[in-house]
C-alpha atoms as a PDB file:
ATOM      1  CA  MET A   1       0.000   0.000   0.000  1.00  0.00           C
ATOM      2  CA  SER A   2       1.186   3.519  -0.670  1.00  0.00           C
ATOM      3  CA  SER A   3       0.178   7.119  -0.168  1.00  0.00           C
ATOM      4  CA  SER A   4       1.500   9.559  -2.756  1.00  0.00           C
ATOM      5  CA  LYS A   5       1.249  13.162  -3.821  1.00  0.00           C
ATOM      6  CA  VAL A   6       2.299  15.207  -6.842  1.00  0.00           C
ATOM      7  CA  ARG A   7       3.879  18.642  -6.995  1.00  0.00           C
ATOM      8  CA  LEU A   8       4.235  20.544 -10.261  1.00  0.00           C
ATOM      9  CA  ASN A   9       7.163  22.981 -10.370  1.00  0.00           C
ATOM     10  CA  ASP A  10       8.745  25.341 -12.883  1.00  0.00           C
ATOM     11  CA  VAL A  11       5.702  25.194 -15.187  1.00  0.00           C
ATOM     12  CA  GLN A  12       6.429  27.365 -18.230  1.00  0.00           C
ATOM     13  CA  ASN A  13       3.922  29.014 -20.615  1.00  0.00           C
ATOM     14  CA  ASP A  14       0.811  27.727 -18.827  1.00  0.00           C
ATOM     15  CA  PRO A  15      -1.773  30.171 -17.469  1.00  0.00           C
ATOM     16  CA  GLN A  16      -3.001  27.562 -14.963  1.00  0.00           C
ATOM     17  CA  GLN A  17      -1.697  27.774 -11.410  1.00  0.00           C
ATOM     18  CA  TYR A  18      -0.967  24.462  -9.657  1.00  0.00           C
ATOM     19  CA  ALA A  19      -0.937  23.816  -5.923  1.00  0.00           C
ATOM     20  CA  SER A  20      -0.591  20.608  -3.956  1.00  0.00           C
ATOM     21  CA  ALA A  21      -3.837  19.130  -2.703  1.00  0.00           C
ATOM     22  CA  ASP A  22      -4.515  15.618  -1.400  1.00  0.00           C
ATOM     23  CA  ASN A  23      -2.644  12.347  -1.428  1.00  0.00           C
ATOM     24  CA  ILE A  24      -4.034   9.306  -3.197  1.00  0.00           C
ATOM     25  CA  THR A  25      -3.739   5.687  -2.121  1.00  0.00           C
ATOM     26  CA  GLY A  26      -2.001   3.241  -4.430  1.00  0.00           C
ATOM     27  CA  TYR A  27      -0.509  -0.206  -4.426  1.00  0.00           C
ATOM     28  CA  HIS A  28       2.716  -1.940  -5.353  1.00  0.00           C
ATOM     29  CA  ALA A  29       3.738  -5.553  -5.936  1.00  0.00           C
ATOM     30  CA  GLY A  30       7.038  -7.099  -6.872  1.00  0.00           C
ATOM     31  CA  ALA A  31       9.979  -9.278  -6.016  1.00  0.00           C
ATOM     32  CA  PHE A  32      13.273  -8.749  -4.215  1.00  0.00           C
ATOM     33  CA  ALA A  33      16.555 -10.496  -3.479  1.00  0.00           C
ATOM     34  CA  ARG A  34      18.475  -9.818  -0.288  1.00  0.00           C
ATOM     35  CA  LEU A  35      22.201 -10.452  -0.168  1.00  0.00           C
ATOM     36  CA  GLN A  36      24.633 -10.026   2.744  1.00  0.00           C
ATOM     37  CA  LEU A  37      28.239  -9.124   1.974  1.00  0.00           C
ATOM     38  CA  LEU A  38      30.873  -7.767   4.372  1.00  0.00           C
ATOM     39  CA  GLY A  39      28.236  -6.645   6.876  1.00  0.00           C
ATOM     40  CA  LEU A  40      26.211  -4.772   4.261  1.00  0.00           C
ATOM     41  CA  LEU A  41      22.790  -5.673   2.961  1.00  0.00           C
ATOM     42  CA  PHE A  42      22.169  -5.409  -0.802  1.00  0.00           C
ATOM     43  CA  GLN A  43      18.546  -5.571  -1.940  1.00  0.00           C
ATOM     44  CA  PRO A  44      17.683  -5.176  -5.638  1.00  0.00           C
ATOM     45  CA  GLU A  45      13.949  -5.155  -6.393  1.00  0.00           C
ATOM     46  CA  ALA A  46      11.487  -4.996  -9.289  1.00  0.00           C
ATOM     47  CA  ILE A  47       8.184  -3.332  -8.341  1.00  0.00           C
ATOM     48  CA  LEU A  48       5.016  -2.501 -10.272  1.00  0.00           C
ATOM     49  CA  SER A  49       3.668   0.611  -8.566  1.00  0.00           C
ATOM     50  CA  THR A  50       0.787   3.084  -8.829  1.00  0.00           C
ATOM     51  CA  SER A  51       1.229   6.637  -7.603  1.00  0.00           C
ATOM     52  CA  GLY A  52       0.009  10.152  -8.253  1.00  0.00           C
ATOM     53  CA  GLY A  53      -2.016  12.724  -6.413  1.00  0.00           C
ATOM     54  CA  ASN A  54      -4.802  15.254  -6.494  1.00  0.00           C
ATOM     55  CA  VAL A  55      -3.640  18.728  -7.501  1.00  0.00           C
ATOM     56  CA  GLU A  56      -5.489  22.024  -7.051  1.00  0.00           C
ATOM     57  CA  VAL A  57      -5.695  23.999 -10.301  1.00  0.00           C
ATOM     58  CA  LYS A  58      -6.631  27.650 -10.866  1.00  0.00           C
ATOM     59  CA  ASP A  59      -7.260  28.652 -14.481  1.00  0.00           C
ATOM     60  CA  ASP A  60      -6.651  32.318 -13.696  1.00  0.00           C
ATOM     61  CA  PRO A  61      -4.184  33.565 -11.045  1.00  0.00           C
ATOM     62  CA  ASN A  62      -6.650  36.360 -10.136  1.00  0.00           C
ATOM     63  CA  SER A  63      -9.579  33.969  -9.629  1.00  0.00           C
ATOM     64  CA  THR A  64     -10.664  32.245  -6.434  1.00  0.00           C
ATOM     65  CA  MET A  65     -12.198  29.342  -8.397  1.00  0.00           C
ATOM     66  CA  VAL A  66     -10.221  26.145  -7.795  1.00  0.00           C
ATOM     67  CA  ARG A  67     -10.758  22.671  -9.184  1.00  0.00           C
ATOM     68  CA  VAL A  68      -8.956  19.457  -8.260  1.00  0.00           C
ATOM     69  CA  GLU A  69      -7.407  17.241 -10.936  1.00  0.00           C
ATOM     70  CA  LYS A  70      -6.236  13.675 -10.304  1.00  0.00           C
ATOM     71  CA  PHE A  71      -2.859  12.532 -11.640  1.00  0.00           C
ATOM     72  CA  LYS A  72      -2.151   8.784 -11.758  1.00  0.00           C
ATOM     73  CA  PHE A  73       1.070   7.041 -12.805  1.00  0.00           C
ATOM     74  CA  ASP A  74       1.744   3.317 -13.291  1.00  0.00           C
ATOM     75  CA  ARG A  75       5.456   2.547 -13.128  1.00  0.00           C
ATOM     76  CA  LEU A  76       8.021  -0.212 -13.051  1.00  0.00           C
ATOM     77  CA  ASP A  77      10.485   0.755 -10.330  1.00  0.00           C
ATOM     78  CA  VAL A  78      13.846  -0.912  -9.757  1.00  0.00           C
ATOM     79  CA  PRO A  79      15.288   0.125  -6.361  1.00  0.00           C
ATOM     80  CA  LEU A  80      18.911  -0.805  -5.619  1.00  0.00           C
ATOM     81  CA  LEU A  81      19.000  -0.611  -1.825  1.00  0.00           C
ATOM     82  CA  VAL A  82      21.995  -0.828   0.503  1.00  0.00           C
ATOM     83  CA  GLY A  83      21.638  -1.096   4.263  1.00  0.00           C
ATOM     84  CA  PHE A  84      22.489  -2.646   7.614  1.00  0.00           C
ATOM     85  CA  ASN A  85      20.813  -5.308   9.747  1.00  0.00           C
ATOM     86  CA  PHE A  86      20.294  -4.757  13.461  1.00  0.00           C
ATOM     87  CA  LEU A  87      19.754  -7.613  15.919  1.00  0.00           C
ATOM     88  CA  ARG A  88      19.004  -9.966  12.957  1.00  0.00           C
ATOM     89  CA  VAL A  89      15.447  -8.598  12.858  1.00  0.00           C
ATOM     90  CA  ALA A  90      15.485  -4.887  11.955  1.00  0.00           C
ATOM     91  CA  ARG A  91      17.182  -3.114   9.064  1.00  0.00           C
ATOM     92  CA  VAL A  92      17.724   0.349   7.644  1.00  0.00           C
ATOM     93  CA  GLN A  93      18.250   0.792   3.905  1.00  0.00           C
ATOM     94  CA  ALA A  94      18.424   3.429   1.186  1.00  0.00           C
ATOM     95  CA  GLY A  95      19.397   3.762  -2.430  1.00  0.00           C
ATOM     96  CA  PRO A  96      18.587   4.907  -5.942  1.00  0.00           C
ATOM     97  CA  VAL A  97      15.455   3.913  -7.878  1.00  0.00           C
ATOM     98  CA  ALA A  98      15.265   3.589 -11.656  1.00  0.00           C
ATOM     99  CA  SER A  99      11.668   4.337 -12.659  1.00  0.00           C
ATOM    100  CA  MET A 100      10.084   3.453 -16.009  1.00  0.00           C
ATOM    101  CA  LEU A 101       6.744   5.117 -16.723  1.00  0.00           C
ATOM    102  CA  LEU A 102       4.147   2.623 -18.028  1.00  0.00           C
ATOM    103  CA  THR A 103       1.045   4.873 -18.063  1.00  0.00           C
ATOM    104  CA  ALA A 104       0.250   8.454 -17.057  1.00  0.00           C
ATOM    105  CA  ARG A 105      -3.237   9.909 -16.708  1.00  0.00           C
ATOM    106  CA  GLN A 106      -4.542  13.336 -15.752  1.00  0.00           C
ATOM    107  CA  GLU A 107      -8.282  13.447 -15.081  1.00  0.00           C
ATOM    108  CA  GLY A 108      -8.685  10.206 -17.042  1.00  0.00           C
ATOM    109  CA  ARG A 109      -6.838  11.543 -20.137  1.00  0.00           C
ATOM    110  CA  THR A 110      -3.706   9.721 -21.260  1.00  0.00           C
ATOM    111  CA  VAL A 111      -0.754  12.113 -20.923  1.00  0.00           C
ATOM    112  CA  LYS A 112       2.163   9.641 -21.032  1.00  0.00           C
ATOM    113  CA  ASP A 113       3.582  11.207 -24.221  1.00  0.00           C
ATOM    114  CA  TYR A 114       4.278  14.440 -22.302  1.00  0.00           C
ATOM    115  CA  TYR A 115       6.507  12.776 -19.658  1.00  0.00           C
ATOM    116  CA  ASP A 116      10.018  11.354 -19.727  1.00  0.00           C
ATOM    117  CA  ASN A 117       9.766   7.564 -20.006  1.00  0.00           C
ATOM    118  CA  SER A 118      12.436   6.910 -17.390  1.00  0.00           C
ATOM    119  CA  ASP A 119      13.926   8.786 -14.473  1.00  0.00           C
ATOM    120  CA  TRP A 120      15.875   8.263 -11.289  1.00  0.00           C
ATOM    121  CA  GLY A 121      14.786   8.842  -7.723  1.00  0.00           C
ATOM    122  CA  TYR A 122      15.593   7.471  -4.292  1.00  0.00           C
ATOM    123  CA  GLN A 123      14.096   5.405  -1.480  1.00  0.00           C
ATOM    124  CA  ALA A 124      14.953   5.259   2.216  1.00  0.00           C
ATOM    125  CA  GLY A 125      13.320   3.290   4.980  1.00  0.00           C
ATOM    126  CA  LEU A 126      13.197   0.766   7.769  1.00  0.00           C
ATOM    127  CA  GLY A 127      12.245  -2.890   7.800  1.00  0.00           C
ATOM    128  CA  VAL A 128      11.546  -5.738  10.180  1.00  0.00           C
ATOM    129  CA  ASP A 129      11.755  -9.488   9.547  1.00  0.00           C
ATOM    130  CA  ILE A 130       9.721 -11.967  11.577  1.00  0.00           C
ATOM    131  CA  GLY A 131      10.402 -15.478  10.375  1.00  0.00           C
ATOM    132  CA  ALA A 132       9.568 -15.597   6.669  1.00  0.00           C
ATOM    133  CA  LEU A 133       7.547 -12.334   6.836  1.00  0.00           C
ATOM    134  CA  THR A 134       9.139  -9.005   6.011  1.00  0.00           C
ATOM    135  CA  VAL A 135       7.608  -5.566   6.625  1.00  0.00           C
ATOM    136  CA  ASP A 136       9.039  -2.330   5.199  1.00  0.00           C
ATOM    137  CA  VAL A 137       8.145   1.349   5.591  1.00  0.00           C
ATOM    138  CA  ARG A 138       9.815   3.653   3.054  1.00  0.00           C
ATOM    139  CA  TYR A 139       9.810   7.133   1.593  1.00  0.00           C
ATOM    140  CA  GLU A 140      10.322   7.481  -2.171  1.00  0.00           C
ATOM    141  CA  ARG A 141      10.819  10.552  -4.341  1.00  0.00           C
ATOM    142  CA  ILE A 142      11.012  10.595  -8.139  1.00  0.00           C
ATOM    143  CA  ASN A 143      11.344  13.740 -10.251  1.00  0.00           C
ATOM    144  CA  ARG A 144      10.091  13.625 -13.827  1.00  0.00           C
ATOM    145  CA  ASP A 145      10.115  16.297 -16.551  1.00  0.00           C
ATOM    146  CA  PHE A 146       7.108  16.925 -18.781  1.00  0.00           C
ATOM    147  CA  THR A 147       6.806  18.716 -22.122  1.00  0.00           C
ATOM    148  CA  ASN A 148       3.653  19.423 -24.116  1.00  0.00           C
ATOM    149  CA  THR A 149       4.938  20.730 -27.449  1.00  0.00           C
ATOM    150  CA  SER A 150       1.442  21.454 -28.839  1.00  0.00           C
ATOM    151  CA  GLN A 151       0.783  23.853 -25.939  1.00  0.00           C
ATOM    152  CA  GLN A 152       4.458  24.865 -25.649  1.00  0.00           C
ATOM    153  CA  THR A 153       4.359  23.993 -21.964  1.00  0.00           C
ATOM    154  CA  ASP A 154       6.945  22.249 -19.834  1.00  0.00           C
ATOM    155  CA  GLY A 155       7.858  21.752 -16.212  1.00  0.00           C
ATOM    156  CA  LYS A 156       8.772  19.281 -13.516  1.00  0.00           C
ATOM    157  CA  VAL A 157       6.665  16.801 -11.571  1.00  0.00           C
ATOM    158  CA  ARG A 158       7.842  15.659  -8.151  1.00  0.00           C
ATOM    159  CA  ASN A 159       6.115  12.438  -7.098  1.00  0.00           C
ATOM    160  CA  GLU A 160       6.540  11.669  -3.381  1.00  0.00           C
ATOM    161  CA  GLN A 161       5.299   8.449  -1.883  1.00  0.00           C
ATOM    162  CA  PHE A 162       5.204   6.605   1.438  1.00  0.00           C
ATOM    163  CA  LEU A 163       5.221   2.840   0.975  1.00  0.00           C
ATOM    164  CA  VAL A 164       4.207   0.123   3.429  1.00  0.00           C
ATOM    165  CA  SER A 165       5.110  -3.362   2.217  1.00  0.00           C
ATOM    166  CA  LEU A 166       4.345  -6.820   3.530  1.00  0.00           C
ATOM    167  CA  GLY A 167       6.358  -9.590   1.927  1.00  0.00           C
ATOM    168  CA  LEU A 168       7.128 -13.268   2.132  1.00  0.00           C
ATOM    169  CA  LYS A 169      10.721 -14.536   1.899  1.00  0.00           C
ATOM    170  CA  LEU A 170      10.809 -17.700  -0.163  1.00  0.00           C
ATOM    171  CA  ILE A 171      14.477 -18.385   0.629  1.00  0.00           C
ATOM    172  CA  LYS A 172      15.930 -17.596   4.031  1.00  0.00           C
END
């Protein structure tokens, strides 16, 4: 399960004014490998993830009329985490995330063509292992550029997400 929000920054040539509004709830599913080497934990992953957010939009900077638009992204994320184990149960980990955009929608319209297909971000978090079960809580941030050549608009989208994961280790 995840909770994410979107922030639009450095928007050029667009009369609309964007402000952050509410988070949306998403999901993620994937696989991981966990390797121990010289006291360090290495954990590559492959995760299908949904994220996005609700963004307040004003069509005119002088107006008080505000509407909320929903952004939704489906991605394939590949975190490469490094960390430490504590007491054989808890761990702390962080690292870069390669993110490939699979779909992008704004208010139900497909807008994937306006976004970079791949970007980098980072994750950081804590985890606990109880037998074969593993639980993680992480923060993730991915920045993505967008360009709409027909409207001559561009800018940056910052997608922030809190992730709570429950997993099952197949090999201990």
